Amino acid sequence: MMRKLLVSTLLLVMLAVLGGVIFRELRQRWDAPLLIPEEGFVLTIVQGESLRSVADTLHKAGILVHPRLLILYSRWTGMDQAIKRGEYLLLPELNAEALLRRLNDGDVIHYQVTFPEGITLAKALDILSQQAALETVLSGPSDSQIMTLIKPYSHSEGLFFPDSYRYLRGDTDLSVLQRAHSALIDVLQTEWIARAPGLPYETPYEALIMASIIERETGLAEEREQISGVFVRRLQQRMLLQTDPTVIYGMGAEFDGNLRRTDLKDGSNIYNTYRHSGLPPTPIALSGRAAIHAALNPEAGSALYFVARGDGGHVFSATLAAHNRAVGEFQLRRRKNYTSSPQGLR
């Protein structure tokens, strides 16, 4: 009897020792850093990918020595159900548990794309198409998905906010535009509510059209409200806006960089504000908050004309005679270092 008890005790001790050895071995394997190269390793997880697939990828890359241990632990803790898609930059000294936490937290690589103020939607789509990490699903400004997004509007130009947007690998160009459209609507509504009284706009969309013109006409940020004031007074006095950027926009691919008198006389161009009264039918560019604010808060004054003076700024005039003198000084006798934003009123 004593002998059996002694044997049983000895077996229990041996099992305990063996269990301790196995536990320590497993713990060492679990705590050991992954075999990540010094320069790091980019792990890409696609939508719906399983942790088993991820472990297999890391094992084949020579980074994860014990994939089954990772899988068993993640199933036991439930962490295998919470991994998030995206790109992960794995750096040396990362162990298996820290890896799982990162996959659950979604600590992924973010990319950024920027739409400058004053560009067209076509240019914005071109910028998106050059983002290697973005999936292109849109065919152009009139793509049916864009038209669905912007309802109830029927023209897509100008309905997206120029800003910087972060995204993940695998996101689509449409997903970026969805955020840009929401941002534009929010900014436009906020500025519309705080607008100055007595403006010649019936809707926020009309103000957005004006903002796009201001965006294209302004060379100096501090002149936005002045230029807005000129255009607003022209509308109020039923004068033609006579602004070159609208003509150029309407010409599209036909514009070769040189705006001619015949272009200004072309009544078939519905964006020709030298021939058609009021605002053009749609925005002509993506407008930033400052331009939208200027359109809704024009500077008071008497100026009805402006002309580029050659340094990015303009000379503003209240009378046609004064304007013609400014044209003679700054347009007809241009100095060598003359520079201009799109030409102003004539």
Protein backbone atom coordinates (compact mmCIF):
# COMPACT_ATOMS: atom_id res chain seq x y z
CA MET A 1 0.00 0.00 0.00
CA MET A 2 2.76 2.41 0.95
CA ARG A 3 4.65 1.46 -2.17
CA LYS A 4 1.65 2.27 -4.39
CA LEU A 5 1.22 5.60 -2.63
CA LEU A 6 4.89 6.39 -3.09
CA VAL A 7 4.74 5.56 -6.80
CA SER A 8 1.61 7.65 -7.27
CA THR A 9 3.20 10.58 -5.48
CA LEU A 10 6.34 10.23 -7.56
CA LEU A 11 4.30 10.19 -10.77
CA LEU A 12 2.40 13.30 -9.71
CA VAL A 13 5.65 15.09 -8.94
CA MET A 14 7.11 14.04 -12.29
CA LEU A 15 3.97 15.23 -14.10
CA ALA A 16 4.09 18.52 -12.24
CA VAL A 17 7.75 18.99 -13.12
CA LEU A 18 7.09 18.04 -16.73
CA GLY A 19 4.09 20.33 -16.85
CA GLY A 20 6.17 23.16 -15.46
CA VAL A 21 8.87 22.54 -18.05
CA ILE A 22 6.31 22.50 -20.87
CA PHE A 23 4.62 25.65 -19.53
CA ARG A 24 7.95 27.49 -19.30
CA GLU A 25 8.83 26.37 -22.81
CA LEU A 26 5.48 27.57 -24.18
CA ARG A 27 5.81 30.83 -22.26
CA GLN A 28 9.27 31.43 -23.66
CA ARG A 29 8.01 30.77 -27.17
CA TRP A 30 5.04 33.10 -26.62
CA ASP A 31 7.12 35.92 -25.16
CA ALA A 32 9.95 35.63 -27.68
CA PRO A 33 10.18 38.47 -30.25
CA LEU A 34 8.98 37.63 -33.74
CA LEU A 35 11.72 37.24 -36.35
CA ILE A 36 11.06 40.59 -38.01
CA PRO A 37 13.75 42.10 -40.27
CA GLU A 38 15.50 45.21 -39.01
CA GLU A 39 13.76 47.34 -41.65
CA GLY A 40 10.37 46.02 -40.56
CA PHE A 41 7.69 44.00 -42.34
CA VAL A 42 4.45 45.24 -43.89
CA LEU A 43 1.56 42.88 -43.21
CA THR A 44 -1.56 43.34 -45.33
CA ILE A 45 -4.90 41.96 -44.10
CA VAL A 46 -7.79 42.09 -46.55
CA GLN A 47 -11.46 42.32 -45.64
CA GLY A 48 -12.72 38.99 -44.22
CA GLU A 49 -9.28 37.37 -43.93
CA SER A 50 -8.96 34.88 -41.05
CA LEU A 51 -6.29 34.86 -38.38
CA ARG A 52 -5.25 31.40 -39.58
CA SER A 53 -4.48 32.93 -42.99
CA VAL A 54 -2.55 35.76 -41.35
CA ALA A 55 -0.54 33.30 -39.23
CA ASP A 56 0.23 31.24 -42.32
CA THR A 57 1.48 34.35 -44.15
CA LEU A 58 3.77 35.28 -41.27
CA HIS A 59 5.02 31.71 -40.93
CA LYS A 60 5.89 31.48 -44.63
CA ALA A 61 7.72 34.82 -44.36
CA GLY A 62 9.86 33.33 -41.55
CA ILE A 63 8.49 35.81 -39.01
CA LEU A 64 6.19 33.59 -36.92
CA VAL A 65 7.91 30.36 -35.84
CA HIS A 66 4.94 28.87 -33.94
CA PRO A 67 1.71 29.74 -35.81
CA ARG A 68 -0.40 27.10 -34.03
CA LEU A 69 0.38 28.71 -30.67
CA LEU A 70 -0.90 32.06 -31.98
CA ILE A 71 -4.06 30.45 -33.33
CA LEU A 72 -4.82 28.50 -30.14
CA TYR A 73 -4.27 31.52 -27.88
CA SER A 74 -6.37 33.81 -30.07
CA ARG A 75 -9.24 31.31 -30.11
CA TRP A 76 -9.07 30.88 -26.35
CA THR A 77 -9.21 34.65 -25.81
CA GLY A 78 -11.62 35.40 -28.68
CA MET A 79 -9.10 37.75 -30.26
CA ASP A 80 -9.27 35.83 -33.55
CA GLN A 81 -12.72 37.33 -34.18
CA ALA A 82 -11.65 40.97 -33.88
CA ILE A 83 -8.77 41.45 -36.30
CA LYS A 84 -9.15 44.46 -38.58
CA ARG A 85 -8.21 44.85 -42.21
CA GLY A 86 -5.45 47.15 -43.40
CA GLU A 87 -1.69 47.42 -43.58
CA TYR A 88 0.42 46.94 -40.45
CA LEU A 89 4.05 47.94 -40.12
CA LEU A 90 5.65 45.28 -37.89
CA LEU A 91 8.92 46.28 -36.25
CA PRO A 92 11.56 44.21 -34.41
CA GLU A 93 10.96 43.31 -30.75
CA LEU A 94 7.24 42.74 -31.38
CA ASN A 95 6.02 39.47 -29.83
CA ALA A 96 2.94 37.37 -30.59
CA GLU A 97 0.72 38.90 -27.91
CA ALA A 98 1.61 42.45 -28.92
CA LEU A 99 0.90 41.50 -32.54
CA LEU A 100 -2.59 40.28 -31.63
CA ARG A 101 -3.31 43.49 -29.74
CA ARG A 102 -2.29 45.56 -32.78
CA LEU A 103 -4.48 43.49 -35.09
CA ASN A 104 -7.42 43.96 -32.70
CA ASP A 105 -6.79 47.69 -32.22
CA GLY A 106 -6.52 48.29 -35.97
CA ASP A 107 -3.18 50.08 -35.59
CA VAL A 108 -2.74 50.28 -39.35
CA ILE A 109 -0.78 52.41 -41.79
CA HIS A 110 -2.77 55.46 -42.90
CA TYR A 111 -2.27 57.25 -46.21
CA GLN A 112 -3.25 60.81 -47.03
CA VAL A 113 -4.48 62.54 -50.16
CA THR A 114 -4.95 66.29 -50.58
CA PHE A 115 -7.29 68.23 -52.85
CA PRO A 116 -5.95 71.79 -53.32
CA GLU A 117 -8.44 74.64 -53.35
CA GLY A 118 -9.55 75.76 -56.79
CA ILE A 119 -9.06 72.50 -58.71
CA THR A 120 -11.83 70.87 -60.74
CA LEU A 121 -13.45 67.56 -59.85
CA ALA A 122 -11.75 66.00 -62.88
CA LYS A 123 -8.38 67.00 -61.41
CA ALA A 124 -9.40 65.64 -58.00
CA LEU A 125 -10.26 62.30 -59.60
CA ASP A 126 -6.90 62.34 -61.36
CA ILE A 127 -5.17 62.89 -58.00
CA LEU A 128 -7.09 59.95 -56.54
CA SER A 129 -6.17 57.72 -59.48
CA GLN A 130 -2.49 58.30 -58.72
CA GLN A 131 -2.84 56.94 -55.18
CA ALA A 132 -1.42 53.40 -55.43
CA ALA A 133 -3.11 52.31 -52.19
CA LEU A 134 -6.59 53.39 -53.36
CA GLU A 135 -8.87 51.24 -55.47
CA THR A 136 -10.28 53.14 -58.45
CA VAL A 137 -13.97 52.46 -59.04
CA LEU A 138 -15.01 55.78 -60.63
CA SER A 139 -14.89 56.50 -64.36
CA GLY A 140 -15.15 60.30 -64.24
CA PRO A 141 -17.10 63.30 -62.90
CA SER A 142 -20.36 61.97 -64.36
CA ASP A 143 -20.00 58.44 -62.98
CA SER A 144 -23.38 57.12 -61.84
CA GLN A 145 -22.06 56.51 -58.32
CA ILE A 146 -21.04 60.18 -58.03
CA MET A 147 -24.39 61.32 -59.38
CA THR A 148 -26.17 59.16 -56.81
CA LEU A 149 -23.93 60.57 -54.07
CA ILE A 150 -24.67 64.23 -54.85
CA LYS A 151 -28.46 63.99 -55.16
CA PRO A 152 -30.54 66.18 -55.38
CA TYR A 153 -27.89 68.09 -57.37
CA SER A 154 -27.60 67.20 -61.06
CA HIS A 155 -24.03 68.42 -61.73
CA SER A 156 -21.05 67.18 -59.73
CA GLU A 157 -18.61 70.06 -60.11
CA GLY A 158 -17.77 71.94 -56.92
CA LEU A 159 -19.66 69.65 -54.54
CA PHE A 160 -16.56 68.32 -52.80
CA PHE A 161 -14.49 70.05 -50.13
CA PRO A 162 -10.79 70.64 -50.87
CA ASP A 163 -8.87 69.28 -47.88
CA SER A 164 -6.57 66.42 -46.79
CA TYR A 165 -8.18 63.02 -46.28
CA ARG A 166 -6.71 59.92 -44.63
CA TYR A 167 -7.46 56.46 -45.96
CA LEU A 168 -6.39 52.83 -45.72
CA ARG A 169 -5.04 50.57 -48.42
CA GLY A 170 -8.01 48.99 -50.13
CA ASP A 171 -10.31 51.98 -49.66
CA THR A 172 -11.90 53.33 -52.85
CA ASP A 173 -11.78 56.71 -54.53
CA LEU A 174 -15.54 56.85 -53.98
CA SER A 175 -15.12 56.48 -50.21
CA VAL A 176 -12.81 59.52 -50.16
CA LEU A 177 -15.26 61.55 -52.26
CA GLN A 178 -18.10 60.59 -49.92
CA ARG A 179 -16.25 62.27 -47.05
CA ALA A 180 -15.31 65.25 -49.20
CA HIS A 181 -18.95 65.75 -50.21
CA SER A 182 -20.19 65.51 -46.61
CA ALA A 183 -17.54 68.02 -45.54
CA LEU A 184 -18.60 70.45 -48.29
CA ILE A 185 -22.27 70.27 -47.34
CA ASP A 186 -21.45 70.83 -43.66
CA VAL A 187 -19.23 73.85 -44.37
CA LEU A 188 -21.69 75.36 -46.84
CA GLN A 189 -24.64 75.03 -44.47
CA THR A 190 -22.66 76.49 -41.56
CA GLU A 191 -21.52 79.50 -43.60
CA TRP A 192 -24.99 79.97 -45.12
CA ILE A 193 -26.60 80.27 -41.70
CA ALA A 194 -24.11 83.01 -40.72
CA ARG A 195 -24.30 84.90 -44.06
CA ALA A 196 -24.54 88.66 -44.39
CA PRO A 197 -27.97 90.14 -45.16
CA GLY A 198 -29.10 91.36 -48.55
CA LEU A 199 -27.13 88.94 -50.73
CA PRO A 200 -28.26 88.17 -54.31
CA TYR A 201 -28.42 84.40 -53.74
CA GLU A 202 -31.58 82.38 -53.36
CA THR A 203 -29.88 79.14 -52.32
CA PRO A 204 -26.62 77.92 -50.77
CA TYR A 205 -25.79 76.37 -54.15
CA GLU A 206 -25.75 79.81 -55.78
CA ALA A 207 -23.36 80.97 -53.08
CA LEU A 208 -21.19 77.96 -53.84
CA ILE A 209 -21.08 78.96 -57.52
CA MET A 210 -19.88 82.40 -56.49
CA ALA A 211 -17.31 80.90 -54.12
CA SER A 212 -15.83 78.85 -56.95
CA ILE A 213 -15.40 81.99 -59.06
CA ILE A 214 -13.74 83.78 -56.15
CA GLU A 215 -11.47 80.76 -55.68
CA ARG A 216 -10.31 80.93 -59.29
CA GLU A 217 -10.00 84.72 -59.40
CA THR A 218 -8.09 85.29 -56.17
CA GLY A 219 -4.31 85.48 -56.17
CA LEU A 220 -4.00 86.93 -52.67
CA ALA A 221 -6.01 85.48 -49.80
CA GLU A 222 -6.69 88.91 -48.30
CA GLU A 223 -8.50 90.00 -51.47
CA ARG A 224 -11.26 87.36 -51.34
CA GLU A 225 -13.85 89.61 -49.66
CA GLN A 226 -13.00 92.51 -52.00
CA ILE A 227 -13.45 90.39 -55.10
CA SER A 228 -16.65 88.99 -53.65
CA GLY A 229 -17.88 92.55 -53.10
CA VAL A 230 -17.27 93.43 -56.75
CA PHE A 231 -19.18 90.41 -58.03
CA VAL A 232 -22.05 90.84 -55.57
CA ARG A 233 -22.51 94.50 -56.52
CA ARG A 234 -22.46 93.53 -60.20
CA LEU A 235 -25.22 91.00 -59.63
CA GLN A 236 -27.23 93.49 -57.62
CA GLN A 237 -26.91 96.09 -60.40
CA ARG A 238 -27.68 93.50 -63.11
CA MET A 239 -24.25 93.90 -64.69
CA LEU A 240 -22.50 91.05 -66.43
CA LEU A 241 -19.94 89.33 -64.22
CA GLN A 242 -17.39 89.25 -67.08
CA THR A 243 -14.95 86.86 -65.44
CA ASP A 244 -12.44 84.87 -67.49
CA PRO A 245 -12.30 81.69 -65.35
CA THR A 246 -15.94 80.87 -66.13
CA VAL A 247 -15.28 81.19 -69.87
CA ILE A 248 -12.20 78.97 -69.59
CA TYR A 249 -14.14 76.35 -67.63
CA GLY A 250 -16.86 76.28 -70.28
CA MET A 251 -14.28 75.81 -73.03
CA GLY A 252 -12.98 72.65 -71.38
CA ALA A 253 -10.33 70.83 -73.41
CA GLU A 254 -10.58 73.47 -76.16
CA PHE A 255 -8.76 76.00 -74.01
CA ASP A 256 -5.11 76.08 -75.08
CA GLY A 257 -3.86 78.59 -72.51
CA ASN A 258 -4.69 81.64 -74.59
CA LEU A 259 -8.07 83.32 -74.09
CA ARG A 260 -9.03 85.20 -77.26
CA ARG A 261 -11.59 87.91 -77.98
CA THR A 262 -13.53 85.42 -80.07
CA ASP A 263 -13.81 83.20 -76.98
CA LEU A 264 -15.28 86.10 -75.00
CA LYS A 265 -17.87 86.66 -77.74
CA ASP A 266 -18.94 83.01 -77.94
CA GLY A 267 -22.56 82.90 -76.81
CA SER A 268 -22.74 79.12 -77.22
CA ASN A 269 -20.54 78.77 -74.13
CA ILE A 270 -23.13 78.73 -71.34
CA TYR A 271 -20.36 79.62 -68.84
CA ASN A 272 -19.44 82.78 -70.78
CA THR A 273 -20.24 85.53 -68.28
CA TYR A 274 -19.35 88.12 -70.94
CA ARG A 275 -22.47 87.05 -72.84
CA HIS A 276 -24.77 85.48 -70.25
CA SER A 277 -26.09 87.45 -67.27
CA GLY A 278 -26.12 86.27 -63.68
CA LEU A 279 -24.19 83.36 -62.27
CA PRO A 280 -22.98 80.49 -64.46
CA PRO A 281 -25.09 77.32 -64.19
CA THR A 282 -22.73 75.43 -61.85
CA PRO A 283 -19.58 75.90 -59.79
CA ILE A 284 -16.36 75.87 -61.79
CA ALA A 285 -14.01 74.50 -59.13
CA LEU A 286 -13.69 73.09 -55.61
CA SER A 287 -14.11 75.92 -53.10
CA GLY A 288 -12.41 76.14 -49.71
CA ARG A 289 -14.01 77.53 -46.56
CA ALA A 290 -12.38 80.94 -47.00
CA ALA A 291 -13.86 81.39 -50.48
CA ILE A 292 -17.29 80.23 -49.31
CA HIS A 293 -17.10 82.63 -46.37
CA ALA A 294 -16.11 85.47 -48.72
CA ALA A 295 -19.00 84.74 -51.07
CA LEU A 296 -21.40 85.03 -48.14
CA ASN A 297 -19.65 87.98 -46.47
CA PRO A 298 -18.54 90.39 -49.23
CA GLU A 299 -16.61 93.51 -48.34
CA ALA A 300 -18.66 96.69 -48.56
CA GLY A 301 -17.52 99.34 -51.02
CA SER A 302 -18.13 100.88 -54.42
CA ALA A 303 -15.68 98.98 -56.64
CA LEU A 304 -17.23 97.38 -59.72
CA TYR A 305 -14.02 96.48 -61.57
CA PHE A 306 -10.64 94.97 -60.89
CA VAL A 307 -7.56 94.19 -62.93
CA ALA A 308 -4.48 92.12 -62.11
CA ARG A 309 -1.54 94.35 -61.32
CA GLY A 310 1.14 91.73 -61.95
CA ASP A 311 2.17 90.64 -58.46
CA GLY A 312 -0.78 88.34 -57.73
CA GLY A 313 -2.97 91.18 -56.48
CA HIS A 314 -5.48 93.47 -58.18
CA VAL A 315 -6.33 97.14 -58.62
CA PHE A 316 -9.98 97.83 -57.76
CA SER A 317 -11.93 100.66 -59.37
CA ALA A 318 -15.38 102.17 -58.86
CA THR A 319 -15.68 103.67 -62.36
CA LEU A 320 -15.00 102.42 -65.85
CA ALA A 321 -12.67 105.36 -66.54
CA ALA A 322 -10.51 104.51 -63.53
CA HIS A 323 -10.55 100.87 -64.51
CA ASN A 324 -9.42 101.65 -68.06
CA ARG A 325 -6.51 103.66 -66.68
CA ALA A 326 -5.52 100.68 -64.49
CA VAL A 327 -5.78 98.36 -67.50
CA GLY A 328 -3.50 100.68 -69.45
CA GLU A 329 -0.96 100.75 -66.66
CA PHE A 330 -0.89 97.11 -65.64
CA GLN A 331 -2.17 95.13 -68.64
CA LEU A 332 -0.97 97.02 -71.70
CA ARG A 333 2.49 97.81 -70.32
CA ARG A 334 3.38 94.62 -68.47
CA ARG A 335 6.71 94.52 -66.70
CA LYS A 336 9.03 91.56 -67.22
CA ASN A 337 8.18 89.78 -63.97
CA TYR A 338 4.43 90.19 -64.42
CA THR A 339 2.37 87.39 -62.92
CA SER A 340 -1.37 87.01 -62.65
CA SER A 341 -4.10 84.77 -61.43
CA PRO A 342 -6.84 84.18 -64.04
CA GLN A 343 -7.62 87.62 -65.43
CA GLY A 344 -10.22 89.74 -63.73
CA LEU A 345 -13.01 91.94 -64.99
CA ARG A 346 -12.72 93.99 -68.11
